[in-house]
C-alpha cells in the first residue's frame, strides 16, 4: 500500500469508529421519548434495553440505526480495500458501538451493529441468523439468548458457506466478542433471573392472564 492508501484507510477507520459510537438508544430515547435508557432497566444502550424500557417501536428504531452503522461502512470497505483490510475496517463501527467516545468508553454489546456488518458482507448468512434470532426472541423473550446463539452460529455458517478466509476469521472474532460481551447475561440465565422483553402479543397474553387471575 502507498502512503496515500494508508492515510485513506486510517481516515476510513476513524470515520467508521465515530459512526459506530453514535448511541442511537440515547438519541431515540431522549430525543423522541424524553427518557434516558441508561437510567432504566439494565442500563444498556442497545436494542434490548430500549425495547424493554420504551416498547417495541422505540426498539425497532434503535435496531435500524445501530444496524445501519454496520452496513454502510462495510459496504464501502469491500469496494475500496482488499478483503483483509476491508474486514478490519468493517468492524470499526462495532468497536465504536461497544466503546463509544460519546459515552466515555462505555457502550452497547455490538449485536445490531455486528448484524449490519454481516448483512453487508454475507447476506445469505445474515438471513439465516436473523430467522434464528427472531424465533428465539419469540419463544424465549430473552434477547440475550437469541444474541448469544446467533453469535455462536455465525462462524459455523461462515465455514459451511465457504466464505473467504478473511471473512471466516472475522466471523470467529466477531462472534467471540459478542458472546464475551454477554457474559453477565450468561450468569443471569444460569440463575434464571435474566430480563425478558415484552412483545406486542406477549403483552396481550400477560394482560389476559392478569385479568383471569383477578
N, C-alpha and C. Protein backbone atom coordinates (compact mmCIF):
# COMPACT_ATOMS: atom_id res chain seq x y z
N UNK A 1 0.84 -1.21 0.00
CA UNK A 1 0.00 0.00 0.00
C UNK A 1 0.87 1.25 0.00
N UNK A 2 0.43 2.25 -0.74
CA UNK A 2 1.16 3.52 -0.76
C UNK A 2 0.82 4.32 0.49
N UNK A 3 1.58 5.39 0.69
CA UNK A 3 1.33 6.25 1.84
C UNK A 3 -0.07 6.84 1.79
N UNK A 4 -0.51 7.19 0.58
CA UNK A 4 -1.86 7.75 0.44
C UNK A 4 -2.94 6.74 0.79
N UNK A 5 -2.71 5.47 0.40
CA UNK A 5 -3.69 4.42 0.71
C UNK A 5 -3.79 4.19 2.22
N UNK A 6 -2.64 4.26 2.89
CA UNK A 6 -2.64 4.07 4.34
C UNK A 6 -3.41 5.18 5.03
N UNK A 7 -3.20 6.41 4.57
CA UNK A 7 -3.92 7.55 5.16
C UNK A 7 -5.43 7.40 4.95
N UNK A 8 -5.81 6.99 3.74
CA UNK A 8 -7.24 6.79 3.45
C UNK A 8 -7.82 5.71 4.36
N UNK A 9 -7.08 4.61 4.55
CA UNK A 9 -7.56 3.53 5.41
C UNK A 9 -7.72 4.00 6.85
N UNK A 10 -6.75 4.77 7.34
CA UNK A 10 -6.82 5.28 8.71
C UNK A 10 -8.02 6.21 8.88
N UNK A 11 -8.21 7.10 7.93
CA UNK A 11 -9.35 8.03 8.00
C UNK A 11 -10.66 7.27 7.93
N UNK A 12 -10.71 6.24 7.08
CA UNK A 12 -11.91 5.42 6.96
C UNK A 12 -12.21 4.74 8.30
N UNK A 13 -11.17 4.19 8.92
CA UNK A 13 -11.36 3.52 10.20
C UNK A 13 -11.84 4.46 11.28
N UNK A 14 -11.29 5.67 11.31
CA UNK A 14 -11.72 6.67 12.30
C UNK A 14 -13.17 7.08 12.06
N UNK A 15 -13.53 7.23 10.78
CA UNK A 15 -14.91 7.59 10.45
C UNK A 15 -15.86 6.46 10.84
N UNK A 16 -15.45 5.21 10.58
CA UNK A 16 -16.28 4.07 10.95
C UNK A 16 -16.48 3.98 12.44
N UNK A 17 -15.40 4.20 13.20
CA UNK A 17 -15.49 4.18 14.66
C UNK A 17 -16.43 5.28 15.16
N UNK A 18 -16.28 6.48 14.60
CA UNK A 18 -17.10 7.62 15.03
C UNK A 18 -18.58 7.37 14.75
N UNK A 19 -18.87 6.83 13.56
CA UNK A 19 -20.25 6.50 13.23
C UNK A 19 -20.80 5.45 14.19
N UNK A 20 -20.01 4.43 14.46
CA UNK A 20 -20.44 3.38 15.38
C UNK A 20 -20.64 3.87 16.79
N UNK A 21 -19.92 4.92 17.16
CA UNK A 21 -20.00 5.44 18.53
C UNK A 21 -21.29 6.22 18.81
N UNK A 22 -22.04 6.57 17.78
CA UNK A 22 -23.28 7.31 17.99
C UNK A 22 -24.27 6.40 18.73
N UNK A 23 -24.69 6.77 19.93
CA UNK A 23 -25.59 5.92 20.72
C UNK A 23 -27.05 6.16 20.36
N UNK A 24 -27.54 5.40 19.38
CA UNK A 24 -28.91 5.62 18.92
C UNK A 24 -29.95 5.36 20.01
N UNK A 25 -29.62 4.51 20.97
CA UNK A 25 -30.56 4.28 22.07
C UNK A 25 -30.80 5.56 22.86
N UNK A 26 -29.76 6.37 23.00
CA UNK A 26 -29.91 7.64 23.71
C UNK A 26 -30.53 8.69 22.80
N UNK A 27 -30.13 8.68 21.53
CA UNK A 27 -30.72 9.62 20.57
C UNK A 27 -32.23 9.42 20.49
N UNK A 28 -32.65 8.17 20.33
CA UNK A 28 -34.08 7.88 20.24
C UNK A 28 -34.76 8.06 21.59
N UNK A 29 -34.15 7.53 22.64
CA UNK A 29 -34.76 7.60 23.96
C UNK A 29 -34.98 9.02 24.45
N UNK A 30 -33.92 9.83 24.43
CA UNK A 30 -34.03 11.20 24.93
C UNK A 30 -34.65 12.14 23.90
N UNK A 31 -34.29 11.93 22.63
CA UNK A 31 -34.75 12.85 21.60
C UNK A 31 -36.22 12.72 21.26
N UNK A 32 -36.74 11.49 21.29
CA UNK A 32 -38.13 11.25 20.91
C UNK A 32 -39.03 11.00 22.11
N UNK A 33 -38.55 10.21 23.07
CA UNK A 33 -39.39 9.81 24.19
C UNK A 33 -39.07 10.55 25.49
N UNK A 34 -37.99 11.32 25.49
CA UNK A 34 -37.62 12.06 26.69
C UNK A 34 -37.15 11.18 27.83
N UNK A 35 -36.59 10.00 27.50
CA UNK A 35 -36.15 9.05 28.52
C UNK A 35 -34.72 8.62 28.24
N UNK A 36 -33.88 8.66 29.25
CA UNK A 36 -32.51 8.17 29.13
C UNK A 36 -32.51 6.70 29.53
N UNK A 37 -32.34 5.81 28.56
CA UNK A 37 -32.43 4.37 28.85
C UNK A 37 -31.33 3.90 29.79
N UNK A 38 -30.28 4.68 29.94
CA UNK A 38 -29.21 4.29 30.86
C UNK A 38 -29.68 4.31 32.31
N UNK A 39 -30.77 5.00 32.57
CA UNK A 39 -31.29 5.13 33.93
C UNK A 39 -32.40 4.13 34.23
N UNK A 40 -32.65 3.23 33.29
CA UNK A 40 -33.75 2.28 33.47
C UNK A 40 -33.32 0.89 32.99
N UNK A 41 -34.06 -0.12 33.44
CA UNK A 41 -33.77 -1.48 33.01
C UNK A 41 -32.36 -1.91 33.35
N UNK A 42 -31.68 -2.49 32.37
CA UNK A 42 -30.30 -2.94 32.57
C UNK A 42 -29.30 -1.80 32.44
N UNK A 43 -29.77 -0.65 31.91
CA UNK A 43 -28.88 0.49 31.70
C UNK A 43 -28.08 0.41 30.42
N UNK A 44 -28.27 -0.67 29.65
CA UNK A 44 -27.51 -0.86 28.42
C UNK A 44 -28.07 0.01 27.29
N UNK A 45 -27.18 0.53 26.45
CA UNK A 45 -27.60 1.41 25.35
C UNK A 45 -27.74 0.61 24.07
N UNK A 46 -28.63 -0.37 24.10
CA UNK A 46 -28.86 -1.20 22.93
C UNK A 46 -30.33 -1.43 22.67
N UNK A 47 -30.61 -2.26 21.68
CA UNK A 47 -31.99 -2.53 21.27
C UNK A 47 -32.80 -3.17 22.39
N UNK A 48 -32.22 -4.18 23.05
CA UNK A 48 -32.97 -4.95 24.05
C UNK A 48 -33.46 -4.06 25.19
N UNK A 49 -32.57 -3.27 25.76
CA UNK A 49 -32.98 -2.44 26.88
C UNK A 49 -33.94 -1.34 26.43
N UNK A 50 -33.73 -0.81 25.23
CA UNK A 50 -34.66 0.19 24.70
C UNK A 50 -36.06 -0.41 24.54
N UNK A 51 -36.12 -1.61 24.00
CA UNK A 51 -37.41 -2.28 23.83
C UNK A 51 -38.07 -2.56 25.17
N UNK A 52 -37.26 -2.95 26.15
CA UNK A 52 -37.77 -3.27 27.47
C UNK A 52 -38.31 -2.02 28.16
N UNK A 53 -37.61 -0.90 27.99
CA UNK A 53 -37.97 0.33 28.69
C UNK A 53 -39.04 1.14 27.94
N UNK A 54 -38.90 1.25 26.62
CA UNK A 54 -39.74 2.15 25.85
C UNK A 54 -40.70 1.46 24.88
N UNK A 55 -40.59 0.13 24.75
CA UNK A 55 -41.50 -0.58 23.87
C UNK A 55 -40.86 -0.96 22.55
N UNK A 56 -41.59 -1.78 21.79
CA UNK A 56 -41.01 -2.36 20.58
C UNK A 56 -40.79 -1.33 19.47
N UNK A 57 -41.63 -0.28 19.41
CA UNK A 57 -41.45 0.72 18.35
C UNK A 57 -40.12 1.45 18.51
N UNK A 58 -39.83 1.85 19.74
CA UNK A 58 -38.54 2.50 20.01
C UNK A 58 -37.40 1.53 19.76
N UNK A 59 -37.61 0.26 20.14
CA UNK A 59 -36.58 -0.75 19.92
C UNK A 59 -36.27 -0.95 18.46
N UNK A 60 -37.30 -0.93 17.61
CA UNK A 60 -37.09 -1.08 16.17
C UNK A 60 -36.29 0.09 15.61
N UNK A 61 -36.58 1.30 16.07
CA UNK A 61 -35.83 2.48 15.61
C UNK A 61 -34.35 2.36 15.97
N UNK A 62 -34.08 1.93 17.19
CA UNK A 62 -32.69 1.78 17.63
C UNK A 62 -32.02 0.65 16.86
N UNK A 63 -32.74 -0.44 16.65
CA UNK A 63 -32.19 -1.56 15.89
C UNK A 63 -31.80 -1.13 14.49
N UNK A 64 -32.68 -0.37 13.82
CA UNK A 64 -32.39 0.10 12.46
C UNK A 64 -31.18 1.02 12.44
N UNK A 65 -31.11 1.95 13.38
CA UNK A 65 -29.99 2.87 13.43
C UNK A 65 -28.68 2.17 13.70
N UNK A 66 -28.68 1.25 14.67
CA UNK A 66 -27.46 0.53 15.01
C UNK A 66 -27.02 -0.40 13.88
N UNK A 67 -27.97 -0.99 13.16
CA UNK A 67 -27.59 -1.85 12.03
C UNK A 67 -27.00 -1.04 10.89
N UNK A 68 -27.58 0.12 10.61
CA UNK A 68 -27.05 0.97 9.54
C UNK A 68 -25.61 1.38 9.82
N UNK A 69 -25.27 1.55 11.09
CA UNK A 69 -23.89 1.90 11.46
C UNK A 69 -22.92 0.83 10.98
N UNK A 70 -23.38 -0.42 10.92
CA UNK A 70 -22.53 -1.50 10.46
C UNK A 70 -22.60 -1.72 8.97
N UNK A 71 -23.81 -1.56 8.40
CA UNK A 71 -24.00 -1.82 6.97
C UNK A 71 -23.20 -0.86 6.10
N UNK A 72 -23.34 0.43 6.33
CA UNK A 72 -22.76 1.43 5.43
C UNK A 72 -21.24 1.36 5.34
N UNK A 73 -20.50 1.37 6.46
CA UNK A 73 -19.04 1.28 6.34
C UNK A 73 -18.58 -0.04 5.72
N UNK A 74 -19.27 -1.15 6.02
CA UNK A 74 -18.86 -2.44 5.48
C UNK A 74 -19.04 -2.48 3.96
N UNK A 75 -20.15 -1.94 3.47
CA UNK A 75 -20.37 -1.91 2.02
C UNK A 75 -19.30 -1.09 1.31
N UNK A 76 -18.94 0.04 1.90
CA UNK A 76 -17.90 0.87 1.30
C UNK A 76 -16.54 0.18 1.36
N UNK A 77 -16.25 -0.45 2.50
CA UNK A 77 -14.94 -1.07 2.70
C UNK A 77 -14.66 -2.17 1.68
N UNK A 78 -15.67 -3.00 1.38
CA UNK A 78 -15.43 -4.11 0.45
C UNK A 78 -15.24 -3.63 -0.98
N UNK A 79 -15.66 -2.42 -1.27
CA UNK A 79 -15.46 -1.87 -2.62
C UNK A 79 -14.18 -1.05 -2.74
N UNK A 80 -13.61 -0.67 -1.61
CA UNK A 80 -12.43 0.21 -1.64
C UNK A 80 -11.12 -0.49 -1.28
N UNK A 81 -11.20 -1.60 -0.52
CA UNK A 81 -9.98 -2.20 0.02
C UNK A 81 -9.96 -3.71 -0.26
N UNK A 82 -8.77 -4.31 -0.06
CA UNK A 82 -8.65 -5.75 -0.21
C UNK A 82 -9.40 -6.44 0.94
N UNK A 83 -9.74 -7.73 0.80
CA UNK A 83 -10.62 -8.39 1.78
C UNK A 83 -10.16 -8.29 3.23
N UNK A 84 -8.85 -8.48 3.47
CA UNK A 84 -8.38 -8.46 4.86
C UNK A 84 -8.54 -7.08 5.48
N UNK A 85 -8.14 -6.06 4.75
CA UNK A 85 -8.26 -4.69 5.27
C UNK A 85 -9.73 -4.29 5.34
N UNK A 86 -10.52 -4.74 4.38
CA UNK A 86 -11.94 -4.42 4.37
C UNK A 86 -12.63 -4.96 5.63
N UNK A 87 -12.28 -6.17 6.00
CA UNK A 87 -12.88 -6.78 7.19
C UNK A 87 -12.50 -5.99 8.44
N UNK A 88 -11.22 -5.62 8.54
CA UNK A 88 -10.76 -4.86 9.70
C UNK A 88 -11.51 -3.54 9.81
N UNK A 89 -11.62 -2.84 8.69
CA UNK A 89 -12.29 -1.54 8.69
C UNK A 89 -13.80 -1.69 8.88
N UNK A 90 -14.36 -2.80 8.40
CA UNK A 90 -15.80 -3.01 8.52
C UNK A 90 -16.24 -3.17 9.96
N UNK A 91 -15.35 -3.66 10.82
CA UNK A 91 -15.75 -3.88 12.21
C UNK A 91 -15.46 -2.68 13.11
N UNK A 92 -14.88 -1.62 12.57
CA UNK A 92 -14.62 -0.44 13.41
C UNK A 92 -15.91 0.17 13.99
N UNK A 93 -17.05 0.14 13.28
CA UNK A 93 -18.27 0.64 13.91
C UNK A 93 -18.70 -0.22 15.11
N UNK A 94 -18.42 -1.52 15.06
CA UNK A 94 -18.76 -2.39 16.19
C UNK A 94 -17.94 -1.97 17.41
N UNK A 95 -16.66 -1.70 17.19
CA UNK A 95 -15.79 -1.21 18.27
C UNK A 95 -16.32 0.11 18.81
N UNK A 96 -16.72 1.00 17.89
CA UNK A 96 -17.26 2.28 18.30
C UNK A 96 -18.53 2.13 19.11
N UNK A 97 -19.39 1.20 18.73
CA UNK A 97 -20.63 0.98 19.46
C UNK A 97 -20.36 0.46 20.87
N UNK A 98 -19.40 -0.45 20.99
CA UNK A 98 -19.12 -1.06 22.29
C UNK A 98 -18.29 -0.16 23.19
N UNK A 99 -17.46 0.70 22.59
CA UNK A 99 -16.59 1.59 23.37
C UNK A 99 -16.71 3.01 22.81
N UNK A 100 -17.87 3.60 23.03
CA UNK A 100 -18.19 4.89 22.41
C UNK A 100 -17.45 6.05 23.07
N UNK A 101 -16.85 6.89 22.23
CA UNK A 101 -16.18 8.08 22.76
C UNK A 101 -17.20 9.07 23.29
N UNK A 102 -18.45 8.96 22.85
CA UNK A 102 -19.50 9.85 23.34
C UNK A 102 -20.04 9.42 24.71
N UNK A 103 -19.68 8.19 25.12
CA UNK A 103 -20.15 7.66 26.40
C UNK A 103 -18.96 7.33 27.30
N UNK A 104 -17.85 8.02 27.07
CA UNK A 104 -16.64 7.84 27.88
C UNK A 104 -16.14 6.39 27.90
N UNK A 105 -16.22 5.76 26.73
CA UNK A 105 -15.66 4.42 26.61
C UNK A 105 -16.62 3.29 26.87
N UNK A 106 -17.82 3.59 27.30
CA UNK A 106 -18.81 2.53 27.50
C UNK A 106 -19.67 2.42 26.25
N UNK A 107 -20.63 1.49 26.26
CA UNK A 107 -21.48 1.34 25.08
C UNK A 107 -22.33 0.10 25.15
N UNK A 108 -22.85 -0.32 24.00
CA UNK A 108 -23.69 -1.50 23.92
C UNK A 108 -22.88 -2.76 23.70
N UNK A 109 -23.56 -3.82 23.31
CA UNK A 109 -22.90 -5.12 23.18
C UNK A 109 -22.59 -5.51 21.74
N UNK A 110 -22.88 -4.63 20.81
CA UNK A 110 -22.43 -4.81 19.44
C UNK A 110 -23.25 -5.75 18.58
N UNK A 111 -24.39 -6.23 19.08
CA UNK A 111 -25.15 -7.23 18.32
C UNK A 111 -25.73 -6.64 17.04
N UNK A 112 -26.48 -5.54 17.17
CA UNK A 112 -27.14 -4.97 15.99
C UNK A 112 -26.13 -4.42 14.99
N UNK A 113 -25.10 -3.74 15.47
CA UNK A 113 -24.09 -3.21 14.57
C UNK A 113 -23.32 -4.34 13.89
N UNK A 114 -23.01 -5.38 14.66
CA UNK A 114 -22.36 -6.54 14.07
C UNK A 114 -23.25 -7.22 13.04
N UNK A 115 -24.56 -7.25 13.31
CA UNK A 115 -25.50 -7.83 12.34
C UNK A 115 -25.49 -7.03 11.04
N UNK A 116 -25.34 -5.72 11.15
CA UNK A 116 -25.24 -4.89 9.96
C UNK A 116 -24.02 -5.23 9.13
N UNK A 117 -22.91 -5.51 9.80
CA UNK A 117 -21.69 -5.91 9.09
C UNK A 117 -21.92 -7.24 8.36
N UNK A 118 -22.55 -8.18 9.06
CA UNK A 118 -22.84 -9.48 8.44
C UNK A 118 -23.74 -9.31 7.23
N UNK A 119 -24.76 -8.47 7.35
CA UNK A 119 -25.67 -8.22 6.23
C UNK A 119 -24.92 -7.70 5.01
N UNK A 120 -23.98 -6.81 5.23
CA UNK A 120 -23.24 -6.21 4.12
C UNK A 120 -22.26 -7.20 3.49
N UNK A 121 -21.63 -8.05 4.29
CA UNK A 121 -20.58 -8.93 3.78
C UNK A 121 -21.08 -10.31 3.38
N UNK A 122 -22.06 -10.84 4.12
CA UNK A 122 -22.53 -12.21 3.91
C UNK A 122 -24.04 -12.25 4.09
N UNK A 123 -24.79 -11.75 3.12
CA UNK A 123 -26.23 -11.57 3.31
C UNK A 123 -26.98 -12.88 3.48
N UNK A 124 -26.52 -13.96 2.81
CA UNK A 124 -27.21 -15.25 2.97
C UNK A 124 -27.14 -15.72 4.41
N UNK A 125 -25.96 -15.59 5.01
CA UNK A 125 -25.78 -15.99 6.40
C UNK A 125 -26.61 -15.09 7.31
N UNK A 126 -26.67 -13.81 6.97
CA UNK A 126 -27.48 -12.88 7.77
C UNK A 126 -28.94 -13.33 7.81
N UNK A 127 -29.49 -13.74 6.67
CA UNK A 127 -30.89 -14.16 6.61
C UNK A 127 -31.14 -15.34 7.55
N UNK A 128 -30.24 -16.32 7.53
CA UNK A 128 -30.40 -17.50 8.39
C UNK A 128 -30.32 -17.10 9.86
N UNK A 129 -29.30 -16.30 10.19
CA UNK A 129 -29.11 -15.89 11.58
C UNK A 129 -30.28 -15.05 12.06
N UNK A 130 -30.78 -14.16 11.19
CA UNK A 130 -31.91 -13.31 11.57
C UNK A 130 -33.14 -14.15 11.87
N UNK A 131 -33.39 -15.17 11.06
CA UNK A 131 -34.54 -16.04 11.30
C UNK A 131 -34.41 -16.78 12.63
N UNK A 132 -33.21 -17.29 12.90
CA UNK A 132 -32.97 -17.98 14.17
C UNK A 132 -33.16 -17.01 15.33
N UNK A 133 -32.63 -15.80 15.19
CA UNK A 133 -32.74 -14.78 16.24
C UNK A 133 -34.21 -14.47 16.53
N UNK A 134 -34.99 -14.29 15.48
CA UNK A 134 -36.41 -13.94 15.65
C UNK A 134 -37.18 -15.08 16.31
N UNK A 135 -36.91 -16.31 15.90
CA UNK A 135 -37.59 -17.46 16.51
C UNK A 135 -37.27 -17.55 18.00
N UNK A 136 -36.02 -17.34 18.35
CA UNK A 136 -35.63 -17.41 19.76
C UNK A 136 -36.21 -16.26 20.57
N UNK A 137 -36.30 -15.08 19.96
CA UNK A 137 -36.94 -13.95 20.65
C UNK A 137 -38.40 -14.29 20.93
N UNK A 138 -39.07 -14.82 19.93
CA UNK A 138 -40.50 -15.13 20.07
C UNK A 138 -40.75 -16.21 21.10
N UNK A 139 -39.85 -17.18 21.19
CA UNK A 139 -40.07 -18.32 22.08
C UNK A 139 -39.55 -18.10 23.50
N UNK A 140 -38.44 -17.37 23.63
CA UNK A 140 -37.86 -17.19 24.97
C UNK A 140 -38.09 -15.80 25.56
N UNK A 141 -38.33 -14.81 24.68
CA UNK A 141 -38.47 -13.40 25.07
C UNK A 141 -37.20 -12.89 25.77
N UNK A 142 -36.08 -13.57 25.50
CA UNK A 142 -34.79 -13.13 26.04
C UNK A 142 -33.86 -12.79 24.88
N UNK A 143 -33.59 -11.51 24.72
CA UNK A 143 -32.73 -11.06 23.63
C UNK A 143 -31.32 -11.62 23.79
N UNK A 144 -30.88 -11.77 25.03
CA UNK A 144 -29.53 -12.27 25.27
C UNK A 144 -29.37 -13.69 24.74
N UNK A 145 -30.37 -14.55 24.96
CA UNK A 145 -30.31 -15.92 24.47
C UNK A 145 -30.23 -15.93 22.95
N UNK A 146 -31.10 -15.14 22.31
CA UNK A 146 -31.10 -15.06 20.86
C UNK A 146 -29.77 -14.55 20.33
N UNK A 147 -29.21 -13.53 20.98
CA UNK A 147 -27.97 -12.92 20.51
C UNK A 147 -26.77 -13.86 20.69
N UNK A 148 -26.72 -14.56 21.81
CA UNK A 148 -25.62 -15.48 22.06
C UNK A 148 -25.66 -16.63 21.05
N UNK A 149 -26.85 -17.16 20.81
CA UNK A 149 -26.99 -18.25 19.83
C UNK A 149 -26.63 -17.78 18.43
N UNK A 150 -27.05 -16.57 18.07
CA UNK A 150 -26.74 -16.03 16.75
C UNK A 150 -25.23 -15.82 16.59
N UNK A 151 -24.59 -15.29 17.63
CA UNK A 151 -23.15 -15.06 17.58
C UNK A 151 -22.37 -16.37 17.48
N UNK A 152 -22.88 -17.41 18.12
CA UNK A 152 -22.23 -18.73 18.06
C UNK A 152 -22.42 -19.37 16.69
N UNK A 153 -23.61 -19.17 16.10
CA UNK A 153 -23.93 -19.75 14.80
C UNK A 153 -23.17 -19.07 13.66
N UNK A 154 -22.86 -17.80 13.82
CA UNK A 154 -22.23 -17.02 12.76
C UNK A 154 -20.95 -17.65 12.22
N UNK A 155 -19.94 -17.93 13.05
CA UNK A 155 -18.71 -18.52 12.49
C UNK A 155 -18.95 -19.92 11.91
N UNK A 156 -19.88 -20.67 12.48
CA UNK A 156 -20.18 -22.00 11.93
C UNK A 156 -20.67 -21.88 10.50
N UNK A 157 -21.60 -20.95 10.27
CA UNK A 157 -22.15 -20.76 8.93
C UNK A 157 -21.11 -20.20 7.97
N UNK A 158 -20.20 -19.37 8.48
CA UNK A 158 -19.15 -18.82 7.62
C UNK A 158 -18.29 -19.93 7.04
N UNK A 159 -18.05 -20.98 7.82
CA UNK A 159 -17.28 -22.12 7.32
C UNK A 159 -18.14 -23.00 6.42
N UNK A 160 -19.41 -23.19 6.79
CA UNK A 160 -20.31 -24.03 5.98
C UNK A 160 -20.47 -23.45 4.58
N UNK A 161 -20.57 -22.11 4.49
CA UNK A 161 -20.76 -21.45 3.21
C UNK A 161 -19.44 -21.19 2.48
N UNK A 162 -18.33 -21.65 3.06
CA UNK A 162 -17.00 -21.49 2.45
C UNK A 162 -16.71 -20.04 2.09
N UNK A 163 -16.96 -19.16 3.04
CA UNK A 163 -16.66 -17.75 2.83
C UNK A 163 -15.14 -17.55 2.74
N UNK A 164 -14.68 -16.44 2.16
CA UNK A 164 -13.23 -16.17 2.10
C UNK A 164 -12.60 -16.26 3.49
N UNK A 165 -11.34 -16.63 3.52
CA UNK A 165 -10.65 -16.84 4.80
C UNK A 165 -10.76 -15.60 5.69
N UNK A 166 -10.61 -14.42 5.12
CA UNK A 166 -10.69 -13.19 5.91
C UNK A 166 -12.05 -13.08 6.59
N UNK A 167 -13.09 -13.45 5.89
CA UNK A 167 -14.44 -13.37 6.45
C UNK A 167 -14.64 -14.41 7.56
N UNK A 168 -14.06 -15.60 7.37
CA UNK A 168 -14.20 -16.65 8.39
C UNK A 168 -13.48 -16.26 9.67
N UNK A 169 -12.29 -15.69 9.52
CA UNK A 169 -11.55 -15.22 10.71
C UNK A 169 -12.34 -14.12 11.41
N UNK A 170 -12.89 -13.20 10.63
CA UNK A 170 -13.69 -12.12 11.21
C UNK A 170 -14.92 -12.67 11.92
N UNK A 171 -15.54 -13.71 11.35
CA UNK A 171 -16.73 -14.31 11.96
C UNK A 171 -16.40 -14.91 13.32
N UNK A 172 -15.27 -15.59 13.40
CA UNK A 172 -14.86 -16.19 14.68
C UNK A 172 -14.61 -15.10 15.71
N UNK A 173 -13.88 -14.06 15.32
CA UNK A 173 -13.55 -12.99 16.27
C UNK A 173 -14.79 -12.20 16.68
N UNK A 174 -15.61 -11.84 15.69
CA UNK A 174 -16.79 -11.04 15.99
C UNK A 174 -17.78 -11.83 16.84
N UNK A 175 -17.98 -13.09 16.50
CA UNK A 175 -18.86 -13.92 17.30
C UNK A 175 -18.36 -14.07 18.72
N UNK A 176 -17.05 -14.25 18.87
CA UNK A 176 -16.47 -14.38 20.21
C UNK A 176 -16.61 -13.12 21.03
N UNK A 177 -16.43 -11.97 20.39
CA UNK A 177 -16.56 -10.69 21.10
C UNK A 177 -17.98 -10.49 21.60
N UNK A 178 -18.97 -10.83 20.76
CA UNK A 178 -20.36 -10.66 21.16
C UNK A 178 -20.72 -11.59 22.31
N UNK A 179 -20.27 -12.84 22.25
CA UNK A 179 -20.54 -13.78 23.34
C UNK A 179 -19.88 -13.29 24.63
N UNK A 180 -18.64 -12.82 24.53
CA UNK A 180 -17.93 -12.31 25.70
C UNK A 180 -18.66 -11.11 26.30
N UNK A 181 -19.22 -10.25 25.45
CA UNK A 181 -19.94 -9.08 25.94
C UNK A 181 -21.20 -9.48 26.70
N UNK A 182 -21.68 -10.70 26.48
CA UNK A 182 -22.90 -11.18 27.15
C UNK A 182 -22.59 -12.07 28.36
N UNK A 183 -21.37 -12.05 28.86
CA UNK A 183 -21.01 -12.96 29.96
C UNK A 183 -21.87 -12.73 31.20
N UNK A 184 -22.24 -11.46 31.47
CA UNK A 184 -23.10 -11.21 32.63
C UNK A 184 -24.50 -11.78 32.39
N UNK A 185 -24.94 -11.74 31.14
CA UNK A 185 -26.25 -12.33 30.82
C UNK A 185 -26.23 -13.84 31.02
N UNK A 186 -25.11 -14.46 30.67
CA UNK A 186 -25.00 -15.91 30.84
C UNK A 186 -25.19 -16.27 32.31
N UNK A 187 -24.61 -15.48 33.21
CA UNK A 187 -24.77 -15.74 34.65
C UNK A 187 -26.22 -15.59 35.06
N UNK A 188 -26.90 -14.57 34.53
CA UNK A 188 -28.31 -14.37 34.90
C UNK A 188 -29.19 -15.47 34.31
N UNK A 189 -28.85 -15.92 33.11
CA UNK A 189 -29.61 -17.02 32.51
C UNK A 189 -29.45 -18.29 33.36
N UNK A 190 -28.23 -18.54 33.82
CA UNK A 190 -27.96 -19.73 34.62
C UNK A 190 -28.71 -19.70 35.94
N UNK A 191 -28.92 -18.51 36.48
CA UNK A 191 -29.64 -18.38 37.75
C UNK A 191 -31.12 -18.06 37.55
N UNK A 192 -31.56 -18.11 36.30
CA UNK A 192 -32.97 -17.91 35.94
C UNK A 192 -33.50 -16.54 36.38
N UNK A 193 -32.67 -15.53 36.26
CA UNK A 193 -33.13 -14.19 36.62
C UNK A 193 -32.86 -13.20 35.48
N UNK A 194 -32.73 -13.72 34.26
CA UNK A 194 -32.49 -12.85 33.11
C UNK A 194 -33.76 -12.08 32.77
N UNK A 195 -33.59 -10.83 32.34
CA UNK A 195 -34.73 -9.99 31.96
C UNK A 195 -35.33 -10.49 30.65
N UNK A 196 -36.63 -10.27 30.50
CA UNK A 196 -37.34 -10.62 29.28
C UNK A 196 -37.97 -9.37 28.68
N UNK A 197 -38.06 -9.35 27.37
CA UNK A 197 -38.72 -8.24 26.70
C UNK A 197 -40.20 -8.54 26.58
N UNK A 198 -40.99 -7.47 26.50
CA UNK A 198 -42.43 -7.62 26.31
C UNK A 198 -42.75 -7.38 24.85
N UNK A 199 -43.19 -8.42 24.17
CA UNK A 199 -43.56 -8.33 22.76
C UNK A 199 -45.03 -7.95 22.66
N UNK A 200 -45.46 -7.42 21.51
CA UNK A 200 -46.86 -6.99 21.37
C UNK A 200 -47.86 -8.07 21.76
N UNK A 201 -47.63 -9.31 21.30
CA UNK A 201 -48.58 -10.38 21.61
C UNK A 201 -48.40 -10.90 23.03
N UNK A 202 -47.17 -10.82 23.57
CA UNK A 202 -46.96 -11.29 24.94
C UNK A 202 -47.58 -10.33 25.93
N UNK A 203 -47.63 -9.04 25.59
CA UNK A 203 -48.27 -8.06 26.46
C UNK A 203 -49.75 -8.39 26.58
N UNK A 204 -50.38 -8.69 25.44
CA UNK A 204 -51.80 -9.02 25.46
C UNK A 204 -52.05 -10.29 26.27
N UNK A 205 -51.15 -11.27 26.11
CA UNK A 205 -51.29 -12.52 26.84
C UNK A 205 -51.16 -12.28 28.33
N UNK A 206 -50.18 -11.44 28.72
CA UNK A 206 -49.98 -11.14 30.13
C UNK A 206 -51.19 -10.44 30.71
N UNK A 207 -51.78 -9.51 29.93
CA UNK A 207 -52.94 -8.78 30.42
C UNK A 207 -54.13 -9.72 30.61
N UNK A 208 -54.31 -10.64 29.65
CA UNK A 208 -55.40 -11.61 29.76
C UNK A 208 -55.20 -12.51 30.96
N UNK A 209 -53.95 -12.89 31.19
CA UNK A 209 -53.66 -13.75 32.34
C UNK A 209 -53.93 -13.04 33.64
N UNK A 210 -53.54 -11.76 33.70
CA UNK A 210 -53.76 -10.99 34.91
C UNK A 210 -55.25 -10.80 35.18
N UNK A 211 -56.01 -10.58 34.09
CA UNK A 211 -57.46 -10.39 34.25
C UNK A 211 -58.10 -11.68 34.72
N UNK A 212 -57.64 -12.81 34.18
CA UNK A 212 -58.21 -14.09 34.57
C UNK A 212 -57.91 -14.44 36.01
N UNK A 213 -56.69 -14.06 36.47
CA UNK A 213 -56.31 -14.39 37.83
C UNK A 213 -57.02 -13.53 38.84
N UNK A 214 -57.57 -12.38 38.35
CA UNK A 214 -58.27 -11.50 39.27
C UNK A 214 -59.64 -12.05 39.60
